[in-house]
Amino acid sequence: MAKLKTQFDKAVTESKSLPEKPDNNTLLKIYALYKQATSGDVEGKRPGFTDMVGRAKYDAWAGVTGQSKDEAMQAYVDLIESLK
């Protein structure tokens, strides 16, 4: 567990200095996995139609609902590694 947390923290740092900016779908996946790993399942109401960015983020996070925090951390680490 401690090893995975260390890898996750390193991946979070590395995500800020990727060689090129990922496309929007990949950015949403990074966001969703980060939120799932740090906060667990999505809560609250889905943002309204006028908040398109908030709505996209909510939908991405809702898409990983049910994943454990450890699974989300590992998926995040794997995704960031694939983007380097």
N, C-alpha and C. Protein backbone atom coordinates (compact mmCIF):
# COMPACT_ATOMS: atom_id res chain seq x y z
N MET A 1 0.83 -1.21 0.00
CA MET A 1 0.00 0.00 0.00
C MET A 1 0.86 1.25 0.00
N ALA A 2 1.87 1.29 0.88
CA ALA A 2 2.73 2.48 0.95
C ALA A 2 3.50 2.66 -0.35
N LYS A 3 3.89 1.55 -0.97
CA LYS A 3 4.62 1.63 -2.25
C LYS A 3 3.72 2.22 -3.33
N LEU A 4 2.46 1.77 -3.37
CA LEU A 4 1.52 2.28 -4.37
C LEU A 4 1.28 3.77 -4.16
N LYS A 5 1.13 4.20 -2.91
CA LYS A 5 0.91 5.62 -2.60
C LYS A 5 2.11 6.45 -3.07
N THR A 6 3.31 5.93 -2.87
CA THR A 6 4.52 6.62 -3.31
C THR A 6 4.55 6.73 -4.83
N GLN A 7 4.21 5.63 -5.51
CA GLN A 7 4.17 5.65 -6.98
C GLN A 7 3.11 6.63 -7.47
N PHE A 8 1.97 6.66 -6.80
CA PHE A 8 0.88 7.56 -7.17
C PHE A 8 1.32 9.01 -7.02
N ASP A 9 1.93 9.34 -5.88
CA ASP A 9 2.39 10.71 -5.64
C ASP A 9 3.42 11.13 -6.69
N LYS A 10 4.30 10.20 -7.06
CA LYS A 10 5.30 10.49 -8.09
C LYS A 10 4.62 10.73 -9.43
N ALA A 11 3.61 9.91 -9.75
CA ALA A 11 2.89 10.06 -11.02
C ALA A 11 2.14 11.38 -11.08
N VAL A 12 1.59 11.81 -9.93
CA VAL A 12 0.90 13.10 -9.89
C VAL A 12 1.88 14.22 -10.23
N THR A 13 3.06 14.16 -9.66
CA THR A 13 4.09 15.16 -9.95
C THR A 13 4.49 15.10 -11.42
N GLU A 14 4.69 13.90 -11.93
CA GLU A 14 5.11 13.73 -13.33
C GLU A 14 4.02 14.17 -14.30
N SER A 15 2.77 14.08 -13.89
CA SER A 15 1.67 14.45 -14.79
C SER A 15 1.72 15.93 -15.15
N LYS A 16 2.37 16.71 -14.33
CA LYS A 16 2.46 18.15 -14.57
C LYS A 16 3.57 18.51 -15.55
N SER A 17 4.41 17.53 -15.91
CA SER A 17 5.51 17.81 -16.83
C SER A 17 5.62 16.74 -17.92
N LEU A 18 4.49 16.36 -18.48
CA LEU A 18 4.49 15.39 -19.57
C LEU A 18 5.10 16.05 -20.81
N PRO A 19 5.70 15.23 -21.70
CA PRO A 19 6.34 15.80 -22.88
C PRO A 19 5.37 16.59 -23.77
N GLU A 20 4.13 16.14 -23.86
CA GLU A 20 3.14 16.91 -24.61
C GLU A 20 1.80 16.82 -23.90
N LYS A 21 0.97 17.84 -24.11
CA LYS A 21 -0.32 17.89 -23.43
C LYS A 21 -1.24 16.80 -24.00
N PRO A 22 -1.82 15.97 -23.13
CA PRO A 22 -2.74 14.93 -23.61
C PRO A 22 -4.01 15.55 -24.19
N ASP A 23 -4.73 14.76 -25.00
CA ASP A 23 -5.99 15.23 -25.55
C ASP A 23 -7.04 15.32 -24.43
N ASN A 24 -8.15 15.95 -24.72
CA ASN A 24 -9.18 16.20 -23.70
C ASN A 24 -9.71 14.93 -23.06
N ASN A 25 -9.93 13.88 -23.84
CA ASN A 25 -10.44 12.62 -23.27
C ASN A 25 -9.44 12.03 -22.28
N THR A 26 -8.17 12.11 -22.61
CA THR A 26 -7.14 11.59 -21.70
C THR A 26 -7.06 12.46 -20.45
N LEU A 27 -7.17 13.77 -20.63
CA LEU A 27 -7.16 14.66 -19.46
C LEU A 27 -8.34 14.36 -18.53
N LEU A 28 -9.49 14.07 -19.11
CA LEU A 28 -10.66 13.71 -18.28
C LEU A 28 -10.42 12.40 -17.55
N LYS A 29 -9.78 11.44 -18.20
CA LYS A 29 -9.48 10.16 -17.56
C LYS A 29 -8.49 10.36 -16.41
N ILE A 30 -7.48 11.20 -16.63
CA ILE A 30 -6.50 11.51 -15.57
C ILE A 30 -7.24 12.13 -14.38
N TYR A 31 -8.11 13.10 -14.67
CA TYR A 31 -8.88 13.77 -13.62
C TYR A 31 -9.74 12.76 -12.85
N ALA A 32 -10.46 11.92 -13.60
CA ALA A 32 -11.38 10.97 -12.97
C ALA A 32 -10.64 9.99 -12.07
N LEU A 33 -9.52 9.47 -12.55
CA LEU A 33 -8.76 8.51 -11.75
C LEU A 33 -8.16 9.18 -10.52
N TYR A 34 -7.70 10.42 -10.68
CA TYR A 34 -7.16 11.16 -9.53
C TYR A 34 -8.23 11.36 -8.46
N LYS A 35 -9.40 11.82 -8.89
CA LYS A 35 -10.49 12.07 -7.94
C LYS A 35 -10.94 10.77 -7.28
N GLN A 36 -11.03 9.69 -8.04
CA GLN A 36 -11.44 8.40 -7.48
C GLN A 36 -10.41 7.91 -6.46
N ALA A 37 -9.13 8.09 -6.79
CA ALA A 37 -8.06 7.64 -5.90
C ALA A 37 -7.99 8.46 -4.62
N THR A 38 -8.31 9.75 -4.70
CA THR A 38 -8.17 10.61 -3.54
C THR A 38 -9.46 10.84 -2.77
N SER A 39 -10.60 10.77 -3.46
CA SER A 39 -11.88 11.09 -2.81
C SER A 39 -12.90 9.96 -2.82
N GLY A 40 -12.68 8.93 -3.62
CA GLY A 40 -13.66 7.85 -3.72
C GLY A 40 -14.74 8.20 -4.74
N ASP A 41 -15.87 7.51 -4.64
CA ASP A 41 -16.95 7.69 -5.61
C ASP A 41 -17.46 9.11 -5.65
N VAL A 42 -17.91 9.52 -6.85
CA VAL A 42 -18.44 10.86 -7.08
C VAL A 42 -19.68 11.08 -6.21
N GLU A 43 -19.82 12.29 -5.72
CA GLU A 43 -20.98 12.65 -4.90
C GLU A 43 -21.56 13.95 -5.44
N GLY A 44 -22.78 14.24 -5.03
CA GLY A 44 -23.40 15.50 -5.42
C GLY A 44 -24.15 15.37 -6.73
N LYS A 45 -24.74 16.48 -7.11
CA LYS A 45 -25.53 16.51 -8.33
C LYS A 45 -24.66 16.81 -9.53
N ARG A 46 -25.09 16.30 -10.66
CA ARG A 46 -24.41 16.58 -11.92
C ARG A 46 -24.60 18.05 -12.27
N PRO A 47 -23.53 18.74 -12.65
CA PRO A 47 -23.66 20.16 -13.01
C PRO A 47 -24.66 20.35 -14.16
N GLY A 48 -25.21 21.54 -14.21
CA GLY A 48 -26.20 21.86 -15.23
C GLY A 48 -25.62 21.94 -16.63
N PHE A 49 -26.51 22.04 -17.59
CA PHE A 49 -26.15 22.05 -19.00
C PHE A 49 -25.20 23.19 -19.36
N THR A 50 -25.30 24.31 -18.67
CA THR A 50 -24.46 25.47 -19.00
C THR A 50 -23.02 25.31 -18.52
N ASP A 51 -22.77 24.40 -17.58
CA ASP A 51 -21.42 24.15 -17.07
C ASP A 51 -20.86 22.92 -17.78
N MET A 52 -20.44 23.10 -19.03
CA MET A 52 -20.02 21.96 -19.84
C MET A 52 -18.75 21.30 -19.32
N VAL A 53 -17.80 22.10 -18.82
CA VAL A 53 -16.55 21.54 -18.30
C VAL A 53 -16.83 20.75 -17.02
N GLY A 54 -17.60 21.36 -16.11
CA GLY A 54 -17.95 20.67 -14.87
C GLY A 54 -18.73 19.39 -15.14
N ARG A 55 -19.58 19.45 -16.11
CA ARG A 55 -20.39 18.29 -16.48
C ARG A 55 -19.52 17.16 -17.04
N ALA A 56 -18.56 17.51 -17.89
CA ALA A 56 -17.65 16.52 -18.46
C ALA A 56 -16.80 15.88 -17.37
N LYS A 57 -16.31 16.70 -16.44
CA LYS A 57 -15.52 16.17 -15.33
C LYS A 57 -16.36 15.24 -14.46
N TYR A 58 -17.58 15.67 -14.16
CA TYR A 58 -18.48 14.85 -13.34
C TYR A 58 -18.73 13.50 -14.02
N ASP A 59 -19.04 13.55 -15.31
CA ASP A 59 -19.33 12.32 -16.05
C ASP A 59 -18.12 11.39 -16.09
N ALA A 60 -16.93 11.95 -16.27
CA ALA A 60 -15.71 11.14 -16.29
C ALA A 60 -15.50 10.47 -14.94
N TRP A 61 -15.67 11.24 -13.87
CA TRP A 61 -15.49 10.70 -12.53
C TRP A 61 -16.56 9.64 -12.24
N ALA A 62 -17.79 9.91 -12.63
CA ALA A 62 -18.87 8.94 -12.42
C ALA A 62 -18.58 7.64 -13.18
N GLY A 63 -17.83 7.74 -14.27
CA GLY A 63 -17.50 6.58 -15.07
C GLY A 63 -16.58 5.58 -14.38
N VAL A 64 -15.89 6.00 -13.34
CA VAL A 64 -15.01 5.09 -12.61
C VAL A 64 -15.58 4.76 -11.23
N THR A 65 -16.84 5.09 -11.01
CA THR A 65 -17.50 4.77 -9.74
C THR A 65 -17.42 3.27 -9.49
N GLY A 66 -17.11 2.92 -8.26
CA GLY A 66 -17.02 1.51 -7.89
C GLY A 66 -15.60 0.99 -7.84
N GLN A 67 -14.68 1.70 -8.50
CA GLN A 67 -13.27 1.31 -8.41
C GLN A 67 -12.77 1.63 -7.01
N SER A 68 -11.96 0.73 -6.46
CA SER A 68 -11.36 1.03 -5.15
C SER A 68 -10.31 2.11 -5.33
N LYS A 69 -9.95 2.75 -4.24
CA LYS A 69 -8.93 3.80 -4.31
C LYS A 69 -7.61 3.21 -4.81
N ASP A 70 -7.28 2.00 -4.37
CA ASP A 70 -6.03 1.36 -4.82
C ASP A 70 -6.07 1.07 -6.32
N GLU A 71 -7.20 0.58 -6.82
CA GLU A 71 -7.33 0.31 -8.26
C GLU A 71 -7.18 1.60 -9.06
N ALA A 72 -7.80 2.67 -8.57
CA ALA A 72 -7.72 3.95 -9.25
C ALA A 72 -6.29 4.49 -9.22
N MET A 73 -5.61 4.34 -8.10
CA MET A 73 -4.21 4.79 -8.01
C MET A 73 -3.36 4.04 -9.02
N GLN A 74 -3.53 2.72 -9.10
CA GLN A 74 -2.73 1.92 -10.03
C GLN A 74 -3.04 2.30 -11.47
N ALA A 75 -4.31 2.50 -11.79
CA ALA A 75 -4.70 2.89 -13.15
C ALA A 75 -4.12 4.26 -13.49
N TYR A 76 -4.10 5.17 -12.53
CA TYR A 76 -3.52 6.52 -12.72
C TYR A 76 -2.03 6.39 -13.02
N VAL A 77 -1.32 5.62 -12.20
CA VAL A 77 0.13 5.43 -12.39
C VAL A 77 0.38 4.85 -13.77
N ASP A 78 -0.39 3.82 -14.16
CA ASP A 78 -0.20 3.18 -15.46
C ASP A 78 -0.46 4.16 -16.60
N LEU A 79 -1.49 4.97 -16.47
CA LEU A 79 -1.84 5.94 -17.52
C LEU A 79 -0.73 6.98 -17.68
N ILE A 80 -0.25 7.53 -16.58
CA ILE A 80 0.81 8.54 -16.66
C ILE A 80 2.08 7.93 -17.25
N GLU A 81 2.39 6.69 -16.86
CA GLU A 81 3.58 6.01 -17.42
C GLU A 81 3.45 5.87 -18.94
N SER A 82 2.24 5.56 -19.41
CA SER A 82 2.03 5.37 -20.85
C SER A 82 2.15 6.68 -21.63
N LEU A 83 2.01 7.82 -20.95
CA LEU A 83 2.06 9.12 -21.61
C LEU A 83 3.46 9.73 -21.63
N LYS A 84 4.40 9.11 -20.91
CA LYS A 84 5.75 9.67 -20.84
C LYS A 84 6.56 9.33 -22.07
